[in-house]
Amino acid sequence: MVTKKTQKTSFESSLKRLEAIVEALEGGKVPLDEAVDLYEEGIRISRECADRLKATELKIRKLAKSAGENLEASETEEG
């Protein structure tokens, strides 16, 4: 049986791949066609990571709310 966890790449693995893509593109030694493909992959991974972070934040807020906590940060706490 394949679990949800094994079906998806972990957030950390996605982030490492994204970092490798950025390094390759910044290095400037990638042929144009490959650079475009890497850029496209990087955009996709970036969106996936952002979506995961949003989903995780929502889950944490729901858990905290059910525990009676308020995670709303004031502007002074964020900066």
C-alpha atoms as a PDB file:
ATOM      1  CA  MET A   1       0.000   0.000   0.000  1.00  0.00           C
ATOM      2  CA  VAL A   2       1.337   3.414  -0.966  1.00  0.00           C
ATOM      3  CA  THR A   3       0.815   6.075   1.676  1.00  0.00           C
ATOM      4  CA  LYS A   4       0.247   9.752   1.090  1.00  0.00           C
ATOM      5  CA  LYS A   5       3.721  10.464   2.448  1.00  0.00           C
ATOM      6  CA  THR A   6       5.481   8.249  -0.102  1.00  0.00           C
ATOM      7  CA  GLN A   7       3.433   9.555  -3.024  1.00  0.00           C
ATOM      8  CA  LYS A   8       4.703  13.109  -2.643  1.00  0.00           C
ATOM      9  CA  THR A   9       8.196  14.425  -2.412  1.00  0.00           C
ATOM     10  CA  SER A  10       8.890  15.862   1.012  1.00  0.00           C
ATOM     11  CA  PHE A  11       8.947  19.606   1.475  1.00  0.00           C
ATOM     12  CA  GLU A  12      12.627  19.408   2.372  1.00  0.00           C
ATOM     13  CA  SER A  13      13.458  17.426  -0.771  1.00  0.00           C
ATOM     14  CA  SER A  14      11.537  19.905  -2.895  1.00  0.00           C
ATOM     15  CA  LEU A  15      13.389  22.781  -1.284  1.00  0.00           C
ATOM     16  CA  LYS A  16      16.763  21.119  -1.918  1.00  0.00           C
ATOM     17  CA  ARG A  17      15.828  20.578  -5.578  1.00  0.00           C
ATOM     18  CA  LEU A  18      14.785  24.213  -5.857  1.00  0.00           C
ATOM     19  CA  GLU A  19      18.105  25.317  -4.375  1.00  0.00           C
ATOM     20  CA  ALA A  20      19.977  23.114  -6.877  1.00  0.00           C
ATOM     21  CA  ILE A  21      18.009  24.674  -9.736  1.00  0.00           C
ATOM     22  CA  VAL A  22      18.819  28.186  -8.538  1.00  0.00           C
ATOM     23  CA  GLU A  23      22.516  27.298  -8.264  1.00  0.00           C
ATOM     24  CA  ALA A  24      22.548  25.863 -11.789  1.00  0.00           C
ATOM     25  CA  LEU A  25      20.793  28.905 -13.246  1.00  0.00           C
ATOM     26  CA  GLU A  26      22.986  31.378 -11.368  1.00  0.00           C
ATOM     27  CA  GLY A  27      26.092  29.510 -12.525  1.00  0.00           C
ATOM     28  CA  GLY A  28      25.326  30.540 -16.083  1.00  0.00           C
ATOM     29  CA  LYS A  29      26.780  27.378 -17.609  1.00  0.00           C
ATOM     30  CA  VAL A  30      23.467  25.731 -18.496  1.00  0.00           C
ATOM     31  CA  PRO A  31      22.425  25.740 -22.168  1.00  0.00           C
ATOM     32  CA  LEU A  32      19.433  27.965 -22.915  1.00  0.00           C
ATOM     33  CA  ASP A  33      16.925  25.164 -23.545  1.00  0.00           C
ATOM     34  CA  GLU A  34      17.908  23.421 -20.329  1.00  0.00           C
ATOM     35  CA  ALA A  35      17.799  26.733 -18.441  1.00  0.00           C
ATOM     36  CA  VAL A  36      14.221  27.311 -19.587  1.00  0.00           C
ATOM     37  CA  ASP A  37      13.259  23.794 -18.494  1.00  0.00           C
ATOM     38  CA  LEU A  38      14.936  24.304 -15.118  1.00  0.00           C
ATOM     39  CA  TYR A  39      13.246  27.671 -14.668  1.00  0.00           C
ATOM     40  CA  GLU A  40       9.861  26.109 -15.417  1.00  0.00           C
ATOM     41  CA  GLU A  41      10.529  23.295 -12.940  1.00  0.00           C
ATOM     42  CA  GLY A  42      11.657  25.826 -10.348  1.00  0.00           C
ATOM     43  CA  ILE A  43       8.462  27.838 -10.698  1.00  0.00           C
ATOM     44  CA  ARG A  44       6.388  24.663 -10.292  1.00  0.00           C
ATOM     45  CA  ILE A  45       8.313  23.559  -7.207  1.00  0.00           C
ATOM     46  CA  SER A  46       8.144  27.058  -5.726  1.00  0.00           C
ATOM     47  CA  ARG A  47       4.352  27.090  -6.061  1.00  0.00           C
ATOM     48  CA  GLU A  48       4.073  23.607  -4.574  1.00  0.00           C
ATOM     49  CA  CYS A  49       6.206  24.635  -1.592  1.00  0.00           C
ATOM     50  CA  ALA A  50       4.166  27.800  -1.053  1.00  0.00           C
ATOM     51  CA  ASP A  51       0.946  25.771  -1.179  1.00  0.00           C
ATOM     52  CA  ARG A  52       2.327  23.292   1.354  1.00  0.00           C
ATOM     53  CA  LEU A  53       3.357  26.097   3.681  1.00  0.00           C
ATOM     54  CA  LYS A  54      -0.097  27.686   3.470  1.00  0.00           C
ATOM     55  CA  ALA A  55      -1.787  24.344   4.135  1.00  0.00           C
ATOM     56  CA  THR A  56       0.498  23.673   7.076  1.00  0.00           C
ATOM     57  CA  GLU A  57      -0.133  27.125   8.534  1.00  0.00           C
ATOM     58  CA  LEU A  58      -3.886  26.595   8.223  1.00  0.00           C
ATOM     59  CA  LYS A  59      -3.627  23.205   9.907  1.00  0.00           C
ATOM     60  CA  ILE A  60      -1.580  24.661  12.767  1.00  0.00           C
ATOM     61  CA  ARG A  61      -4.077  27.507  13.216  1.00  0.00           C
ATOM     62  CA  LYS A  62      -6.970  25.011  13.338  1.00  0.00           C
ATOM     63  CA  LEU A  63      -5.138  22.857  15.866  1.00  0.00           C
ATOM     64  CA  ALA A  64      -4.274  25.875  17.981  1.00  0.00           C
ATOM     65  CA  LYS A  65      -7.856  27.134  17.802  1.00  0.00           C
ATOM     66  CA  SER A  66      -9.177  23.785  18.962  1.00  0.00           C
ATOM     67  CA  ALA A  67      -6.694  23.962  21.829  1.00  0.00           C
ATOM     68  CA  GLY A  68      -7.947  27.446  22.732  1.00  0.00           C
ATOM     69  CA  GLU A  69      -4.893  29.361  21.553  1.00  0.00           C
ATOM     70  CA  ASN A  70      -4.769  32.436  19.343  1.00  0.00           C
ATOM     71  CA  LEU A  71      -1.864  32.534  16.883  1.00  0.00           C
ATOM     72  CA  GLU A  72      -2.640  35.938  15.424  1.00  0.00           C
ATOM     73  CA  ALA A  73       0.644  37.810  15.585  1.00  0.00           C
ATOM     74  CA  SER A  74       0.669  41.521  16.033  1.00  0.00           C
ATOM     75  CA  GLU A  75       2.871  43.591  13.750  1.00  0.00           C
ATOM     76  CA  THR A  76       5.375  44.098  16.576  1.00  0.00           C
ATOM     77  CA  GLU A  77       5.711  40.338  17.059  1.00  0.00           C
ATOM     78  CA  GLU A  78       6.359  39.725  13.337  1.00  0.00           C
ATOM     79  CA  GLY A  79       9.164  42.200  12.904  1.00  0.00           C
END
